[in-house]
């Protein structure tokens, strides 16, 4: 699967230019690495921080008191989703 000609997890693809009249097409090889370590760390920190903020707001009742069991439940769900996506995007495709 590709998005706009770019594989979502990085990789190589070939662009072909239109051939000049009577010539052969030129090929350009481009290597794109999308999911490197720096981006992984940034996405993990941002996802956990933003997700925890949303879960914290959701775990408060009408009077503003935090229900710890609701917070713990949703935080576990959030971390399970983030870790599953991290695993799926980080594994090597061979």
Protein backbone atom coordinates (compact mmCIF):
# COMPACT_ATOMS: atom_id res chain seq x y z
CA UNK A 1 0.00 0.00 0.00
CA UNK A 2 1.33 3.46 -0.82
CA UNK A 3 0.14 6.97 -0.09
CA UNK A 4 0.92 9.46 -2.85
CA UNK A 5 3.60 7.11 -4.13
CA UNK A 6 5.34 6.81 -0.74
CA UNK A 7 5.24 3.62 1.31
CA UNK A 8 3.87 4.47 4.79
CA UNK A 9 6.66 2.69 6.68
CA UNK A 10 9.52 3.90 4.52
CA UNK A 11 11.32 2.06 1.79
CA UNK A 12 12.33 2.50 -1.80
CA UNK A 13 10.37 3.37 -4.86
CA UNK A 14 11.19 4.38 -8.41
CA UNK A 15 9.98 7.46 -10.24
CA UNK A 16 9.89 7.32 -14.01
CA UNK A 17 10.13 10.42 -16.10
CA UNK A 18 8.39 10.67 -19.44
CA UNK A 19 10.86 9.66 -22.15
CA UNK A 20 12.11 12.28 -24.55
CA UNK A 21 11.00 11.72 -28.10
CA UNK A 22 12.71 8.61 -29.37
CA UNK A 23 14.52 8.01 -26.05
CA UNK A 24 14.18 5.77 -23.04
CA UNK A 25 12.67 6.88 -19.73
CA UNK A 26 14.99 8.10 -17.01
CA UNK A 27 14.66 6.42 -13.66
CA UNK A 28 15.28 8.07 -10.34
CA UNK A 29 15.71 5.88 -7.27
CA UNK A 30 14.74 7.50 -3.99
CA UNK A 31 15.13 6.00 -0.53
CA UNK A 32 12.75 7.29 2.11
CA UNK A 33 13.05 6.32 5.78
CA UNK A 34 9.92 7.50 7.57
CA UNK A 35 9.85 5.71 10.92
CA UNK A 36 13.23 6.41 12.50
CA UNK A 37 14.08 6.42 16.20
CA UNK A 38 13.69 10.16 16.71
CA UNK A 39 10.16 10.15 15.31
CA UNK A 40 9.28 7.09 17.38
CA UNK A 41 10.30 8.84 20.59
CA UNK A 42 8.46 12.05 19.64
CA UNK A 43 5.24 10.19 18.77
CA UNK A 44 5.40 8.05 21.91
CA UNK A 45 5.91 11.02 24.22
CA UNK A 46 3.26 13.13 22.48
CA UNK A 47 0.74 10.27 22.32
CA UNK A 48 1.14 9.24 25.94
CA UNK A 49 1.08 12.85 27.18
CA UNK A 50 -1.95 13.92 25.15
CA UNK A 51 -3.76 10.63 25.80
CA UNK A 52 -3.15 10.83 29.54
CA UNK A 53 -4.49 14.38 29.61
CA UNK A 54 -7.69 13.28 27.83
CA UNK A 55 -8.05 10.22 30.10
CA UNK A 56 -7.52 12.38 33.20
CA UNK A 57 -10.27 14.81 32.12
CA UNK A 58 -12.59 11.91 31.30
CA UNK A 59 -12.00 10.22 34.67
CA UNK A 60 -13.32 13.21 36.64
CA UNK A 61 -16.93 13.20 37.77
CA UNK A 62 -19.36 16.14 37.72
CA UNK A 63 -17.96 17.59 40.93
CA UNK A 64 -14.35 17.46 39.66
CA UNK A 65 -13.18 14.51 41.77
CA UNK A 66 -10.91 12.00 40.09
CA UNK A 67 -12.18 8.41 39.96
CA UNK A 68 -8.91 6.46 40.13
CA UNK A 69 -10.35 3.17 38.91
CA UNK A 70 -11.76 4.82 35.77
CA UNK A 71 -8.45 6.61 35.19
CA UNK A 72 -6.46 3.38 35.60
CA UNK A 73 -8.79 1.48 33.25
CA UNK A 74 -8.60 4.06 30.45
CA UNK A 75 -4.86 4.57 30.92
CA UNK A 76 -4.28 0.82 30.48
CA UNK A 77 -6.44 0.86 27.33
CA UNK A 78 -4.52 3.90 26.02
CA UNK A 79 -1.13 2.28 26.66
CA UNK A 80 -2.26 -0.99 25.05
CA UNK A 81 -3.32 0.85 21.89
CA UNK A 82 -0.11 2.90 21.73
CA UNK A 83 2.12 -0.13 22.33
CA UNK A 84 0.26 -2.20 19.73
CA UNK A 85 0.63 0.53 17.11
CA UNK A 86 4.28 1.05 18.09
CA UNK A 87 4.93 -2.67 17.58
CA UNK A 88 3.15 -2.77 14.23
CA UNK A 89 4.99 0.28 12.86
CA UNK A 90 8.41 -0.68 14.27
CA UNK A 91 8.79 -4.23 13.00
CA UNK A 92 11.04 -4.76 10.03
CA UNK A 93 9.46 -5.69 6.75
CA UNK A 94 11.52 -8.33 4.93
